[in-house]
């Protein structure tokens, strides 16, 4: 089963957002057959749908896992594991 990962960053991205986008590239390579990543930049309707008022945010399988910070790679992987990956 492929798990959907949604990533929200500011536009233009601040340092935390840029770090998160770099981290996403590493995670995408490692989990390429297990996850589908959608990246949202700047204000959009999805933010309202989830009730998110801050960026960066990481949603795994429609569950808000991390908000307001760029997680460490270890924390990101743990969130994926908890999300069923």
Protein backbone atom coordinates (compact mmCIF):
# COMPACT_ATOMS: atom_id res chain seq x y z
CA UNK A 1 0.00 0.00 0.00
CA UNK A 2 1.32 3.44 -0.93
CA UNK A 3 0.98 6.07 1.80
CA UNK A 4 0.24 9.67 0.83
CA UNK A 5 2.54 12.33 2.28
CA UNK A 6 1.55 15.99 1.97
CA UNK A 7 4.13 18.68 2.63
CA UNK A 8 3.34 22.37 3.18
CA UNK A 9 5.98 25.11 2.96
CA UNK A 10 5.95 28.88 2.69
CA UNK A 11 6.49 30.59 -0.64
CA UNK A 12 9.14 31.78 -0.89
CA UNK A 13 10.54 29.16 1.44
CA UNK A 14 12.36 30.29 4.57
CA UNK A 15 15.31 28.27 5.86
CA UNK A 16 13.14 25.63 7.59
CA UNK A 17 11.10 25.17 4.43
CA UNK A 18 14.19 24.78 2.29
CA UNK A 19 15.60 22.22 4.74
CA UNK A 20 12.31 20.33 4.66
CA UNK A 21 12.33 20.23 0.84
CA UNK A 22 15.89 18.83 0.88
CA UNK A 23 14.85 16.23 3.46
CA UNK A 24 11.86 15.28 1.31
CA UNK A 25 14.19 14.48 -1.58
CA UNK A 26 16.22 12.07 0.59
CA UNK A 27 13.08 10.46 2.00
CA UNK A 28 11.52 10.18 -1.47
CA UNK A 29 14.56 8.27 -2.73
CA UNK A 30 14.61 5.87 0.22
CA UNK A 31 10.85 5.19 0.30
CA UNK A 32 10.08 5.64 -3.42
CA UNK A 33 7.89 2.52 -3.72
CA UNK A 34 6.08 3.10 -0.43
CA UNK A 35 5.04 6.77 -0.44
CA UNK A 36 3.47 9.34 -2.74
CA UNK A 37 4.52 12.92 -1.99
CA UNK A 38 2.52 16.06 -2.77
CA UNK A 39 4.22 19.39 -2.06
CA UNK A 40 2.18 22.55 -1.51
CA UNK A 41 3.92 25.93 -1.53
CA UNK A 42 2.37 29.07 -0.10
CA UNK A 43 -1.25 29.73 0.83
CA UNK A 44 -3.79 27.27 -0.56
CA UNK A 45 -7.14 25.68 0.21
CA UNK A 46 -5.57 22.50 1.59
CA UNK A 47 -4.24 24.51 4.55
CA UNK A 48 -7.82 25.46 5.45
CA UNK A 49 -9.01 21.90 4.90
CA UNK A 50 -6.59 20.67 7.56
CA UNK A 51 -7.00 23.75 9.76
CA UNK A 52 -3.31 24.56 9.51
CA UNK A 53 -2.23 28.13 10.26
CA UNK A 54 1.55 27.62 10.17
CA UNK A 55 4.14 26.25 7.78
CA UNK A 56 5.99 23.96 7.53
CA UNK A 57 3.64 21.03 7.98
CA UNK A 58 3.81 17.33 7.27
CA UNK A 59 0.65 15.27 6.77
CA UNK A 60 0.88 11.49 6.52
CA UNK A 61 -2.19 9.58 5.36
CA UNK A 62 -4.42 12.61 6.16
CA UNK A 63 -3.06 12.84 9.72
CA UNK A 64 -1.17 15.97 10.79
CA UNK A 65 2.15 14.62 12.09
CA UNK A 66 4.49 17.62 12.25
CA UNK A 67 3.73 21.33 12.15
CA UNK A 68 5.76 24.51 12.46
CA UNK A 69 9.23 22.97 12.22
CA UNK A 70 11.47 20.99 9.91
CA UNK A 71 11.79 17.55 11.52
CA UNK A 72 15.02 15.62 11.77
CA UNK A 73 15.37 12.74 9.35
CA UNK A 74 14.93 10.31 12.25
CA UNK A 75 11.71 12.03 13.37
CA UNK A 76 10.38 12.04 9.80
CA UNK A 77 11.08 8.31 9.42
CA UNK A 78 9.40 7.59 12.75
CA UNK A 79 6.33 9.54 11.61
CA UNK A 80 6.27 7.47 8.42
CA UNK A 81 6.54 4.26 10.44
CA UNK A 82 3.67 5.38 12.68
CA UNK A 83 1.71 6.23 9.53
CA UNK A 84 2.00 2.69 8.22
CA UNK A 85 5.11 2.79 6.03
